[in-house]
Amino acid sequence: MEDETFDPDLIHAIFKHIWTKRSLERERNGGNDALDSELAGAGTSKKNRPTSANAHALKLSCELLRVFIAEAVGRAATIAEAEGVSKIEATHLERILPQLLLDF
């Protein structure tokens, strides 16, 4: 049986929310810095181009998120089991998070 993964539409909606939020922050902070101009290319501004993700990128993002969360839960469960408790708590996740982020 194949592991279930996140809905690509949900991940796309989250990405769009973040892209919109960052775009608004850029506009509020003056927007046109050297990085925008450097990355834009001939005659276009980065803030004028819509940000998007194709289906393969969304599918890969969903799979990466699934693996990341499964690994986090597995590591936190190991810590909880070593402490003799049957429920994962926030402290278990806090303990595994630094190394998990380094591993990913």
Protein backbone atom coordinates (compact mmCIF):
# COMPACT_ATOMS: atom_id res chain seq x y z
CA MET A 1 0.00 0.00 0.00
CA GLU A 2 1.35 3.41 -0.95
CA ASP A 3 1.77 5.98 1.82
CA GLU A 4 -0.72 8.81 1.71
CA THR A 5 0.71 12.21 1.04
CA PHE A 6 -0.49 15.78 1.28
CA ASP A 7 -2.98 17.18 -1.19
CA PRO A 8 -1.09 19.15 -3.86
CA ASP A 9 -3.91 21.72 -3.95
CA LEU A 10 -3.45 22.37 -0.24
CA ILE A 11 0.31 22.76 -0.60
CA HIS A 12 -0.20 25.06 -3.60
CA ALA A 13 -2.64 27.19 -1.57
CA ILE A 14 -0.08 27.45 1.25
CA PHE A 15 2.66 28.41 -1.22
CA LYS A 16 0.43 31.04 -2.84
CA HIS A 17 -0.41 32.50 0.57
CA ILE A 18 3.30 32.84 1.42
CA TRP A 19 4.16 34.27 -2.03
CA THR A 20 1.38 36.85 -1.73
CA LYS A 21 2.43 37.79 1.79
CA ARG A 22 6.06 38.25 0.74
CA SER A 23 5.04 40.26 -2.30
CA LEU A 24 3.01 42.60 -0.12
CA GLU A 25 5.92 42.93 2.32
CA ARG A 26 8.27 43.78 -0.57
CA GLU A 27 5.88 46.46 -1.82
CA ARG A 28 5.54 47.90 1.68
CA ASN A 29 9.34 48.02 2.16
CA GLY A 30 10.09 49.82 -1.10
CA GLY A 31 10.25 46.74 -3.23
CA ASN A 32 12.80 47.41 -5.94
CA ASP A 33 16.14 46.44 -4.46
CA ALA A 34 19.29 45.33 -6.27
CA LEU A 35 18.42 41.64 -5.98
CA ASP A 36 15.07 42.13 -7.71
CA SER A 37 16.72 43.96 -10.59
CA GLU A 38 19.55 41.46 -10.89
CA LEU A 39 17.30 38.38 -11.03
CA ALA A 40 14.56 39.85 -13.18
CA GLY A 41 16.02 39.64 -16.66
CA ALA A 42 15.44 41.82 -19.70
CA GLY A 43 12.68 44.34 -19.17
CA THR A 44 10.71 42.60 -16.43
CA SER A 45 10.55 43.24 -12.74
CA LYS A 46 10.49 40.35 -10.30
CA LYS A 47 7.49 41.75 -8.51
CA ASN A 48 5.56 42.00 -11.80
CA ARG A 49 6.03 38.32 -12.63
CA PRO A 50 3.56 35.90 -11.02
CA THR A 51 5.10 33.17 -8.91
CA SER A 52 3.90 29.68 -9.72
CA ALA A 53 4.82 26.02 -9.31
CA ASN A 54 4.25 23.26 -11.80
CA ALA A 55 2.57 19.96 -10.96
CA HIS A 56 5.84 18.05 -10.59
CA ALA A 57 7.23 20.62 -8.14
CA LEU A 58 4.04 20.45 -6.07
CA LYS A 59 4.10 16.64 -6.05
CA LEU A 60 7.73 16.65 -4.95
CA SER A 61 6.99 19.25 -2.25
CA CYS A 62 4.15 17.06 -0.94
CA GLU A 63 6.43 14.02 -0.80
CA LEU A 64 9.22 15.95 0.93
CA LEU A 65 6.78 17.26 3.53
CA ARG A 66 5.39 13.76 4.10
CA VAL A 67 8.85 12.27 4.61
CA PHE A 68 9.91 15.16 6.86
CA ILE A 69 6.87 14.78 9.13
CA ALA A 70 7.11 10.98 9.23
CA GLU A 71 10.77 11.26 10.24
CA ALA A 72 9.96 13.87 12.90
CA VAL A 73 7.22 11.69 14.40
CA GLY A 74 9.46 8.61 14.32
CA ARG A 75 12.33 10.36 16.07
CA ALA A 76 10.03 11.96 18.64
CA ALA A 77 8.42 8.57 19.31
CA THR A 78 11.85 7.06 19.95
CA ILE A 79 12.61 9.77 22.51
CA ALA A 80 9.20 9.34 24.15
CA GLU A 81 9.66 5.56 24.31
CA ALA A 82 13.11 5.98 25.89
CA GLU A 83 11.50 8.15 28.57
CA GLY A 84 8.83 5.51 29.18
CA VAL A 85 5.84 7.54 27.99
CA SER A 86 3.36 6.47 25.34
CA LYS A 87 2.41 9.93 24.09
CA ILE A 88 4.59 12.30 22.05
CA GLU A 89 4.72 15.75 23.59
CA ALA A 90 6.02 19.06 22.33
CA THR A 91 9.23 18.63 24.34
CA HIS A 92 10.05 15.47 22.38
CA LEU A 93 9.69 17.36 19.10
CA GLU A 94 11.78 20.23 20.47
CA ARG A 95 14.57 17.81 21.31
CA ILE A 96 14.73 16.21 17.85
CA LEU A 97 14.15 19.34 15.78
CA PRO A 98 17.73 20.73 15.61
CA GLN A 99 19.23 17.51 14.28
CA LEU A 100 16.25 16.86 12.02
CA LEU A 101 16.68 20.26 10.36
CA LEU A 102 20.37 19.59 9.86
CA ASP A 103 19.60 16.21 8.30
CA PHE A 104 17.11 17.69 5.83
